[in-house]
PDB file of N, CA and C in Angstrom:
ATOM      1  N   UNK A   1     150.014  46.571  23.808  1.00  0.00           N
ATOM      2  CA  UNK A   1     149.403  47.791  24.302  1.00  0.00           C
ATOM      3  C   UNK A   1     149.189  48.748  23.144  1.00  0.00           C
ATOM      4  N   UNK A   2     148.162  49.555  23.294  1.00  0.00           N
ATOM      5  CA  UNK A   2     147.924  50.526  22.238  1.00  0.00           C
ATOM      6  C   UNK A   2     148.909  51.689  22.367  1.00  0.00           C
ATOM      7  N   UNK A   3     149.100  52.407  21.287  1.00  0.00           N
ATOM      8  CA  UNK A   3     150.084  53.488  21.248  1.00  0.00           C
ATOM      9  C   UNK A   3     149.767  54.583  22.260  1.00  0.00           C
ATOM     10  N   UNK A   4     148.497  54.870  22.503  1.00  0.00           N
ATOM     11  CA  UNK A   4     148.124  55.923  23.455  1.00  0.00           C
ATOM     12  C   UNK A   4     148.645  55.588  24.859  1.00  0.00           C
ATOM     13  N   UNK A   5     148.514  54.348  25.270  1.00  0.00           N
ATOM     14  CA  UNK A   5     148.984  53.940  26.589  1.00  0.00           C
ATOM     15  C   UNK A   5     150.507  54.019  26.649  1.00  0.00           C
ATOM     16  N   UNK A   6     151.177  53.599  25.607  1.00  0.00           N
ATOM     17  CA  UNK A   6     152.635  53.702  25.563  1.00  0.00           C
ATOM     18  C   UNK A   6     153.095  55.155  25.648  1.00  0.00           C
ATOM     19  N   UNK A   7     152.372  56.049  24.977  1.00  0.00           N
ATOM     20  CA  UNK A   7     152.698  57.479  25.023  1.00  0.00           C
ATOM     21  C   UNK A   7     152.508  58.034  26.430  1.00  0.00           C
ATOM     22  N   UNK A   8     151.426  57.631  27.088  1.00  0.00           N
ATOM     23  CA  UNK A   8     151.155  58.101  28.455  1.00  0.00           C
ATOM     24  C   UNK A   8     152.261  57.618  29.390  1.00  0.00           C
ATOM     25  N   UNK A   9     152.668  56.361  29.262  1.00  0.00           N
ATOM     26  CA  UNK A   9     153.733  55.829  30.111  1.00  0.00           C
ATOM     27  C   UNK A   9     155.049  56.567  29.862  1.00  0.00           C
ATOM     28  N   UNK A  10     155.348  56.877  28.622  1.00  0.00           N
ATOM     29  CA  UNK A  10     156.586  57.593  28.297  1.00  0.00           C
ATOM     30  C   UNK A  10     156.556  58.996  28.888  1.00  0.00           C
ATOM     31  N   UNK A  11     155.401  59.671  28.777  1.00  0.00           N
ATOM     32  CA  UNK A  11     155.262  61.013  29.350  1.00  0.00           C
ATOM     33  C   UNK A  11     155.426  60.978  30.865  1.00  0.00           C
ATOM     34  N   UNK A  12     154.845  59.994  31.511  1.00  0.00           N
ATOM     35  CA  UNK A  12     154.928  59.879  32.970  1.00  0.00           C
ATOM     36  C   UNK A  12     156.374  59.667  33.406  1.00  0.00           C
ATOM     37  N   UNK A  13     157.120  58.856  32.672  1.00  0.00           N
ATOM     38  CA  UNK A  13     158.529  58.628  33.004  1.00  0.00           C
ATOM     39  C   UNK A  13     159.330  59.910  32.854  1.00  0.00           C
ATOM     40  N   UNK A  14     159.074  60.651  31.787  1.00  0.00           N
ATOM     41  CA  UNK A  14     159.791  61.906  31.563  1.00  0.00           C
ATOM     42  C   UNK A  14     159.466  62.907  32.660  1.00  0.00           C
ATOM     43  N   UNK A  15     158.188  63.055  32.995  1.00  0.00           N
ATOM     44  CA  UNK A  15     157.781  63.989  34.042  1.00  0.00           C
ATOM     45  C   UNK A  15     158.378  63.581  35.388  1.00  0.00           C
ATOM     46  N   UNK A  16     158.366  62.303  35.679  1.00  0.00           N
ATOM     47  CA  UNK A  16     158.934  61.813  36.931  1.00  0.00           C
ATOM     48  C   UNK A  16     160.428  62.058  37.005  1.00  0.00           C
ATOM     49  N   UNK A  17     161.105  61.846  35.895  1.00  0.00           N
ATOM     50  CA  UNK A  17     162.546  62.096  35.850  1.00  0.00           C
ATOM     51  C   UNK A  17     162.826  63.574  36.070  1.00  0.00           C
ATOM     52  N   UNK A  18     162.107  64.432  35.369  1.00  0.00           N
ATOM     53  CA  UNK A  18     162.336  65.876  35.498  1.00  0.00           C
ATOM     54  C   UNK A  18     162.059  66.356  36.918  1.00  0.00           C
ATOM     55  N   UNK A  19     161.000  65.838  37.529  1.00  0.00           N
ATOM     56  CA  UNK A  19     160.678  66.218  38.905  1.00  0.00           C
ATOM     57  C   UNK A  19     161.770  65.747  39.862  1.00  0.00           C
ATOM     58  N   UNK A  20     162.197  64.525  39.707  1.00  0.00           N
ATOM     59  CA  UNK A  20     163.255  63.982  40.556  1.00  0.00           C
ATOM     60  C   UNK A  20     164.573  64.705  40.355  1.00  0.00           C
ATOM     61  N   UNK A  21     164.878  65.039  39.123  1.00  0.00           N
ATOM     62  CA  UNK A  21     166.102  65.771  38.823  1.00  0.00           C
ATOM     63  C   UNK A  21     166.059  67.150  39.473  1.00  0.00           C
ATOM     64  N   UNK A  22     164.912  67.816  39.385  1.00  0.00           N
ATOM     65  CA  UNK A  22     164.755  69.130  40.007  1.00  0.00           C
ATOM     66  C   UNK A  22     164.936  69.074  41.511  1.00  0.00           C
ATOM     67  N   UNK A  23     164.402  68.046  42.128  1.00  0.00           N
ATOM     68  CA  UNK A  23     164.566  67.873  43.573  1.00  0.00           C
ATOM     69  C   UNK A  23     166.026  67.627  43.934  1.00  0.00           C
ATOM     70  N   UNK A  24     166.710  66.877  43.103  1.00  0.00           N
ATOM     71  CA  UNK A  24     168.130  66.617  43.340  1.00  0.00           C
ATOM     72  C   UNK A  24     168.964  67.883  43.228  1.00  0.00           C
ATOM     73  N   UNK A  25     168.650  68.704  42.240  1.00  0.00           N
ATOM     74  CA  UNK A  25     169.355  69.974  42.073  1.00  0.00           C
ATOM     75  C   UNK A  25     169.113  70.859  43.292  1.00  0.00           C
ATOM     76  N   UNK A  26     167.867  70.930  43.748  1.00  0.00           N
ATOM     77  CA  UNK A  26     167.541  71.744  44.916  1.00  0.00           C
ATOM     78  C   UNK A  26     168.314  71.270  46.148  1.00  0.00           C
ATOM     79  N   UNK A  27     168.362  69.962  46.373  1.00  0.00           N
ATOM     80  CA  UNK A  27     169.093  69.418  47.520  1.00  0.00           C
ATOM     81  C   UNK A  27     170.584  69.727  47.417  1.00  0.00           C
ATOM     82  N   UNK A  28     171.137  69.610  46.226  1.00  0.00           N
ATOM     83  CA  UNK A  28     172.548  69.893  46.033  1.00  0.00           C
ATOM     84  C   UNK A  28     172.848  71.365  46.292  1.00  0.00           C
ATOM     85  N   UNK A  29     172.039  72.251  45.727  1.00  0.00           N
ATOM     86  CA  UNK A  29     172.252  73.685  45.941  1.00  0.00           C
ATOM     87  C   UNK A  29     172.080  74.051  47.415  1.00  0.00           C
ATOM     88  N   UNK A  30     171.101  73.453  48.072  1.00  0.00           N
ATOM     89  CA  UNK A  30     170.881  73.709  49.495  1.00  0.00           C
ATOM     90  C   UNK A  30     172.106  73.276  50.307  1.00  0.00           C
ATOM     91  N   UNK A  31     172.660  72.125  49.975  1.00  0.00           N
ATOM     92  CA  UNK A  31     173.850  71.646  50.675  1.00  0.00           C
ATOM     93  C   UNK A  31     175.041  72.575  50.446  1.00  0.00           C
ATOM     94  N   UNK A  32     175.186  73.072  49.233  1.00  0.00           N
ATOM     95  CA  UNK A  32     176.299  73.983  48.944  1.00  0.00           C
ATOM     96  C   UNK A  32     176.157  75.296  49.705  1.00  0.00           C
ATOM     97  N   UNK A  33     174.927  75.776  49.858  1.00  0.00           N
ATOM     98  CA  UNK A  33     174.696  76.988  50.652  1.00  0.00           C
ATOM     99  C   UNK A  33     175.007  76.696  52.116  1.00  0.00           C
ATOM    100  N   UNK A  34     174.545  75.568  52.610  1.00  0.00           N
ATOM    101  CA  UNK A  34     174.782  75.206  54.012  1.00  0.00           C
ATOM    102  C   UNK A  34     176.266  75.088  54.333  1.00  0.00           C
ATOM    103  N   UNK A  35     177.058  74.652  53.353  1.00  0.00           N
ATOM    104  CA  UNK A  35     178.500  74.516  53.549  1.00  0.00           C
ATOM    105  C   UNK A  35     179.247  75.833  53.332  1.00  0.00           C
ATOM    106  N   UNK A  36     178.524  76.859  52.921  1.00  0.00           N
ATOM    107  CA  UNK A  36     179.150  78.154  52.699  1.00  0.00           C
ATOM    108  C   UNK A  36     179.847  78.298  51.358  1.00  0.00           C
ATOM    109  N   UNK A  37     179.590  77.372  50.452  1.00  0.00           N
ATOM    110  CA  UNK A  37     180.233  77.417  49.146  1.00  0.00           C
ATOM    111  C   UNK A  37     179.476  78.284  48.144  1.00  0.00           C
ATOM    112  N   UNK A  38     178.196  78.501  48.392  1.00  0.00           N
ATOM    113  CA  UNK A  38     177.348  79.376  47.573  1.00  0.00           C
ATOM    114  C   UNK A  38     176.535  80.255  48.503  1.00  0.00           C
ATOM    115  N   UNK A  39     176.175  81.430  48.022  1.00  0.00           N
ATOM    116  CA  UNK A  39     175.217  82.245  48.763  1.00  0.00           C
ATOM    117  C   UNK A  39     173.818  81.818  48.329  1.00  0.00           C
ATOM    118  N   UNK A  40     172.835  82.221  49.097  1.00  0.00           N
ATOM    119  CA  UNK A  40     171.452  81.924  48.733  1.00  0.00           C
ATOM    120  C   UNK A  40     171.138  82.552  47.379  1.00  0.00           C
ATOM    121  N   UNK A  41     171.617  83.743  47.158  1.00  0.00           N
ATOM    122  CA  UNK A  41     171.363  84.427  45.877  1.00  0.00           C
ATOM    123  C   UNK A  41     171.988  83.663  44.708  1.00  0.00           C
ATOM    124  N   UNK A  42     173.195  83.164  44.879  1.00  0.00           N
ATOM    125  CA  UNK A  42     173.853  82.392  43.828  1.00  0.00           C
ATOM    126  C   UNK A  42     173.094  81.091  43.562  1.00  0.00           C
ATOM    127  N   UNK A  43     172.662  80.439  44.622  1.00  0.00           N
ATOM    128  CA  UNK A  43     171.914  79.187  44.464  1.00  0.00           C
ATOM    129  C   UNK A  43     170.589  79.436  43.752  1.00  0.00           C
ATOM    130  N   UNK A  44     169.917  80.501  44.118  1.00  0.00           N
ATOM    131  CA  UNK A  44     168.646  80.840  43.464  1.00  0.00           C
ATOM    132  C   UNK A  44     168.866  81.109  41.981  1.00  0.00           C
ATOM    133  N   UNK A  45     169.945  81.791  41.675  1.00  0.00           N
ATOM    134  CA  UNK A  45     170.268  82.069  40.273  1.00  0.00           C
ATOM    135  C   UNK A  45     170.520  80.771  39.509  1.00  0.00           C
ATOM    136  N   UNK A  46     171.277  79.862  40.114  1.00  0.00           N
ATOM    137  CA  UNK A  46     171.548  78.565  39.478  1.00  0.00           C
ATOM    138  C   UNK A  46     170.260  77.760  39.277  1.00  0.00           C
ATOM    139  N   UNK A  47     169.329  77.896  40.223  1.00  0.00           N
ATOM    140  CA  UNK A  47     168.057  77.185  40.139  1.00  0.00           C
ATOM    141  C   UNK A  47     167.062  77.884  39.224  1.00  0.00           C
ATOM    142  N   UNK A  48     167.463  79.044  38.699  1.00  0.00           N
ATOM    143  CA  UNK A  48     166.600  79.832  37.812  1.00  0.00           C
ATOM    144  C   UNK A  48     165.277  80.174  38.499  1.00  0.00           C
ATOM    145  N   UNK A  49     165.400  80.668  39.730  1.00  0.00           N
ATOM    146  CA  UNK A  49     164.242  81.045  40.527  1.00  0.00           C
ATOM    147  C   UNK A  49     164.584  82.300  41.312  1.00  0.00           C
ATOM    148  N   UNK A  50     163.602  82.873  41.956  1.00  0.00           N
ATOM    149  CA  UNK A  50     163.869  84.037  42.797  1.00  0.00           C
ATOM    150  C   UNK A  50     164.433  83.562  44.138  1.00  0.00           C
ATOM    151  N   UNK A  51     165.042  84.500  44.856  1.00  0.00           N
ATOM    152  CA  UNK A  51     165.573  84.173  46.181  1.00  0.00           C
ATOM    153  C   UNK A  51     164.431  83.711  47.086  1.00  0.00           C
ATOM    154  N   UNK A  52     163.312  84.408  47.040  1.00  0.00           N
ATOM    155  CA  UNK A  52     162.171  84.046  47.893  1.00  0.00           C
ATOM    156  C   UNK A  52     161.671  82.638  47.580  1.00  0.00           C
ATOM    157  N   UNK A  53     161.575  82.290  46.299  1.00  0.00           N
ATOM    158  CA  UNK A  53     161.111  80.951  45.921  1.00  0.00           C
ATOM    159  C   UNK A  53     162.120  79.887  46.356  1.00  0.00           C
ATOM    160  N   UNK A  54     163.405  80.184  46.173  1.00  0.00           N
ATOM    161  CA  UNK A  54     164.433  79.228  46.581  1.00  0.00           C
ATOM    162  C   UNK A  54     164.375  78.997  48.088  1.00  0.00           C
ATOM    163  N   UNK A  55     164.251  80.084  48.839  1.00  0.00           N
ATOM    164  CA  UNK A  55     164.180  79.966  50.300  1.00  0.00           C
ATOM    165  C   UNK A  55     162.961  79.152  50.731  1.00  0.00           C
ATOM    166  N   UNK A  56     161.839  79.389  50.089  1.00  0.00           N
ATOM    167  CA  UNK A  56     160.614  78.659  50.432  1.00  0.00           C
ATOM    168  C   UNK A  56     160.762  77.167  50.150  1.00  0.00           C
ATOM    169  N   UNK A  57     161.386  76.830  49.031  1.00  0.00           N
ATOM    170  CA  UNK A  57     161.544  75.423  48.662  1.00  0.00           C
ATOM    171  C   UNK A  57     162.630  74.720  49.470  1.00  0.00           C
ATOM    172  N   UNK A  58     163.678  75.459  49.841  1.00  0.00           N
ATOM    173  CA  UNK A  58     164.826  74.829  50.502  1.00  0.00           C
ATOM    174  C   UNK A  58     164.764  74.901  52.019  1.00  0.00           C
ATOM    175  N   UNK A  59     163.949  75.823  52.545  1.00  0.00           N
ATOM    176  CA  UNK A  59     163.892  76.001  53.987  1.00  0.00           C
ATOM    177  C   UNK A  59     165.001  76.899  54.517  1.00  0.00           C
ATOM    178  N   UNK A  60     165.786  77.458  53.623  1.00  0.00           N
ATOM    179  CA  UNK A  60     166.857  78.372  54.012  1.00  0.00           C
ATOM    180  C   UNK A  60     166.318  79.803  54.084  1.00  0.00           C
ATOM    181  N   UNK A  61     167.118  80.692  54.664  1.00  0.00           N
ATOM    182  CA  UNK A  61     166.758  82.093  54.686  1.00  0.00           C
ATOM    183  C   UNK A  61     167.831  82.888  53.951  1.00  0.00           C
ATOM    184  N   UNK A  62     167.451  84.011  53.414  1.00  0.00           N
ATOM    185  CA  UNK A  62     168.378  84.880  52.702  1.00  0.00           C
ATOM    186  C   UNK A  62     169.178  85.655  53.732  1.00  0.00           C
ATOM    187  N   UNK A  63     170.444  85.330  53.866  1.00  0.00           N
ATOM    188  CA  UNK A  63     171.289  85.965  54.876  1.00  0.00           C
ATOM    189  C   UNK A  63     172.312  86.897  54.256  1.00  0.00           C
ATOM    190  N   UNK A  64     172.092  87.332  53.034  1.00  0.00           N
ATOM    191  CA  UNK A  64     173.016  88.271  52.373  1.00  0.00           C
ATOM    192  C   UNK A  64     172.766  89.675  52.861  1.00  0.00           C
TER     193      UNK A  64
END
């Protein structure tokens, strides 16, 4: 294979990993909020996002 195709495949794997990792972090933080171990605000902070964005992505509501 030519180097360009190898580079594209490597980029796709990295992007896929990062996307999957982000989804895993979101699911974990959502579960911790659901169990009462974190507040929505704390989870949003850990996710490096706003409370509104975290709520939209997780389906949770800000109950603080």
